[in-house]
Each structure stands twice: as C-alpha cells, then as structure tokens.
Amino acid sequence: MEWPCFKKGDEAHLAAMNKMKSTMQEEGAFEKWLSERKADFDSLPNI
C-alpha cells in the first residue's frame, strides 16, 4: 500500500505517523491513547 503523504513528502504527517508507530509499541499504549482522545472528545461543548 502506498500512502499519499509519501508521494507528497508531507514531513509533518510522516513524523506524526512515526511517533504513533513507536508509541504503539508500548504495552497498553493504544488503550491510553484512546482514553485520552475520548476524554478530549467528551470535554467538547455540545452544540
């Protein structure tokens, strides 16, 4: 599979992907990340 960010040379996107990849190597990292995103989402105001 070829990612569009590779073709475009999107350095910020590639850096974010690499950070996520390395973070996900840690035990329980995905669950922690998901919990943090849920808390962020839940803190948004209802409109």
N, C-alpha and C. Protein backbone atom coordinates (compact mmCIF):
# COMPACT_ATOMS: atom_id res chain seq x y z
N MET A 1 0.84 -1.17 0.00
CA MET A 1 0.00 0.00 0.00
C MET A 1 0.89 1.24 0.00
N GLU A 2 0.54 2.20 -0.82
CA GLU A 2 1.31 3.43 -0.90
C GLU A 2 0.50 4.58 -0.32
N TRP A 3 1.08 5.27 0.64
CA TRP A 3 0.41 6.38 1.30
C TRP A 3 0.64 7.67 0.53
N PRO A 4 -0.40 8.48 0.33
CA PRO A 4 -0.25 9.76 -0.38
C PRO A 4 0.77 10.69 0.26
N CYS A 5 0.91 10.64 1.58
CA CYS A 5 1.86 11.54 2.25
C CYS A 5 3.30 11.23 1.83
N PHE A 6 3.58 9.97 1.44
CA PHE A 6 4.92 9.63 0.97
C PHE A 6 5.18 10.30 -0.37
N LYS A 7 4.20 10.25 -1.25
CA LYS A 7 4.35 10.87 -2.57
C LYS A 7 4.53 12.38 -2.46
N LYS A 8 3.77 13.01 -1.56
CA LYS A 8 3.80 14.46 -1.42
C LYS A 8 4.97 14.93 -0.56
N GLY A 9 5.62 14.02 0.15
CA GLY A 9 6.71 14.41 1.04
C GLY A 9 6.23 15.22 2.23
N ASP A 10 5.06 14.87 2.75
CA ASP A 10 4.45 15.58 3.87
C ASP A 10 5.19 15.21 5.15
N GLU A 11 6.21 15.99 5.48
CA GLU A 11 7.08 15.67 6.61
C GLU A 11 6.34 15.67 7.95
N ALA A 12 5.43 16.61 8.15
CA ALA A 12 4.70 16.66 9.42
C ALA A 12 3.85 15.40 9.60
N HIS A 13 3.20 14.97 8.52
CA HIS A 13 2.36 13.78 8.59
C HIS A 13 3.22 12.54 8.82
N LEU A 14 4.33 12.46 8.12
CA LEU A 14 5.23 11.31 8.29
C LEU A 14 5.79 11.25 9.72
N ALA A 15 6.12 12.42 10.27
CA ALA A 15 6.64 12.45 11.64
C ALA A 15 5.56 11.99 12.63
N ALA A 16 4.32 12.44 12.41
CA ALA A 16 3.21 12.02 13.29
C ALA A 16 2.98 10.52 13.18
N MET A 17 3.05 9.99 11.96
CA MET A 17 2.87 8.54 11.77
C MET A 17 3.97 7.76 12.49
N ASN A 18 5.20 8.22 12.38
CA ASN A 18 6.31 7.53 13.05
C ASN A 18 6.19 7.60 14.56
N LYS A 19 5.75 8.75 15.09
CA LYS A 19 5.56 8.87 16.53
C LYS A 19 4.48 7.91 17.01
N MET A 20 3.38 7.84 16.27
CA MET A 20 2.29 6.93 16.64
C MET A 20 2.76 5.48 16.58
N LYS A 21 3.51 5.15 15.54
CA LYS A 21 4.02 3.79 15.39
C LYS A 21 4.91 3.41 16.58
N SER A 22 5.81 4.30 16.98
CA SER A 22 6.70 3.98 18.09
C SER A 22 5.94 3.94 19.41
N THR A 23 4.96 4.84 19.57
CA THR A 23 4.15 4.84 20.80
C THR A 23 3.38 3.53 20.94
N MET A 24 2.87 3.02 19.85
CA MET A 24 2.04 1.82 19.89
C MET A 24 2.83 0.55 20.21
N GLN A 25 4.15 0.66 20.26
CA GLN A 25 4.98 -0.49 20.62
C GLN A 25 4.92 -0.77 22.12
N GLU A 26 4.52 0.22 22.90
CA GLU A 26 4.47 0.07 24.36
C GLU A 26 3.19 -0.65 24.79
N GLU A 27 3.30 -1.47 25.81
CA GLU A 27 2.16 -2.19 26.36
C GLU A 27 1.11 -1.22 26.87
N GLY A 28 -0.11 -1.37 26.42
CA GLY A 28 -1.22 -0.54 26.88
C GLY A 28 -1.26 0.85 26.27
N ALA A 29 -0.35 1.13 25.33
CA ALA A 29 -0.27 2.48 24.76
C ALA A 29 -1.52 2.83 23.96
N PHE A 30 -2.06 1.88 23.21
CA PHE A 30 -3.25 2.19 22.42
C PHE A 30 -4.43 2.51 23.32
N GLU A 31 -4.61 1.74 24.36
CA GLU A 31 -5.72 1.97 25.29
C GLU A 31 -5.58 3.34 25.95
N LYS A 32 -4.36 3.71 26.33
CA LYS A 32 -4.12 5.02 26.94
C LYS A 32 -4.43 6.12 25.94
N TRP A 33 -3.92 5.99 24.71
CA TRP A 33 -4.16 6.98 23.67
C TRP A 33 -5.65 7.14 23.40
N LEU A 34 -6.36 6.02 23.28
CA LEU A 34 -7.79 6.05 23.00
C LEU A 34 -8.55 6.71 24.15
N SER A 35 -8.17 6.41 25.37
CA SER A 35 -8.81 7.01 26.54
C SER A 35 -8.61 8.52 26.56
N GLU A 36 -7.40 8.96 26.20
CA GLU A 36 -7.12 10.40 26.14
C GLU A 36 -7.95 11.08 25.05
N ARG A 37 -8.06 10.45 23.90
CA ARG A 37 -8.87 11.03 22.80
C ARG A 37 -10.34 11.10 23.20
N LYS A 38 -10.82 10.07 23.90
CA LYS A 38 -12.22 10.06 24.35
C LYS A 38 -12.45 11.19 25.35
N ALA A 39 -11.50 11.39 26.25
CA ALA A 39 -11.63 12.48 27.23
C ALA A 39 -11.64 13.83 26.51
N ASP A 40 -10.78 13.99 25.51
CA ASP A 40 -10.77 15.22 24.72
C ASP A 40 -12.12 15.44 24.05
N PHE A 41 -12.64 14.40 23.44
CA PHE A 41 -13.92 14.49 22.75
C PHE A 41 -15.04 14.81 23.73
N ASP A 42 -15.06 14.11 24.85
CA ASP A 42 -16.12 14.30 25.84
C ASP A 42 -16.08 15.71 26.46
N SER A 43 -14.92 16.36 26.44
CA SER A 43 -14.81 17.69 27.03
C SER A 43 -15.28 18.79 26.08
N LEU A 44 -15.55 18.45 24.84
CA LEU A 44 -16.03 19.45 23.88
C LEU A 44 -17.44 19.88 24.22
N PRO A 45 -17.74 21.14 23.98
CA PRO A 45 -19.10 21.61 24.28
C PRO A 45 -20.12 21.01 23.30
N ASN A 46 -21.31 20.77 23.79
CA ASN A 46 -22.39 20.31 22.93
C ASN A 46 -22.95 21.51 22.19
N ILE A 47 -23.07 21.37 20.90
CA ILE A 47 -23.62 22.50 20.12
C ILE A 47 -24.89 22.10 19.41
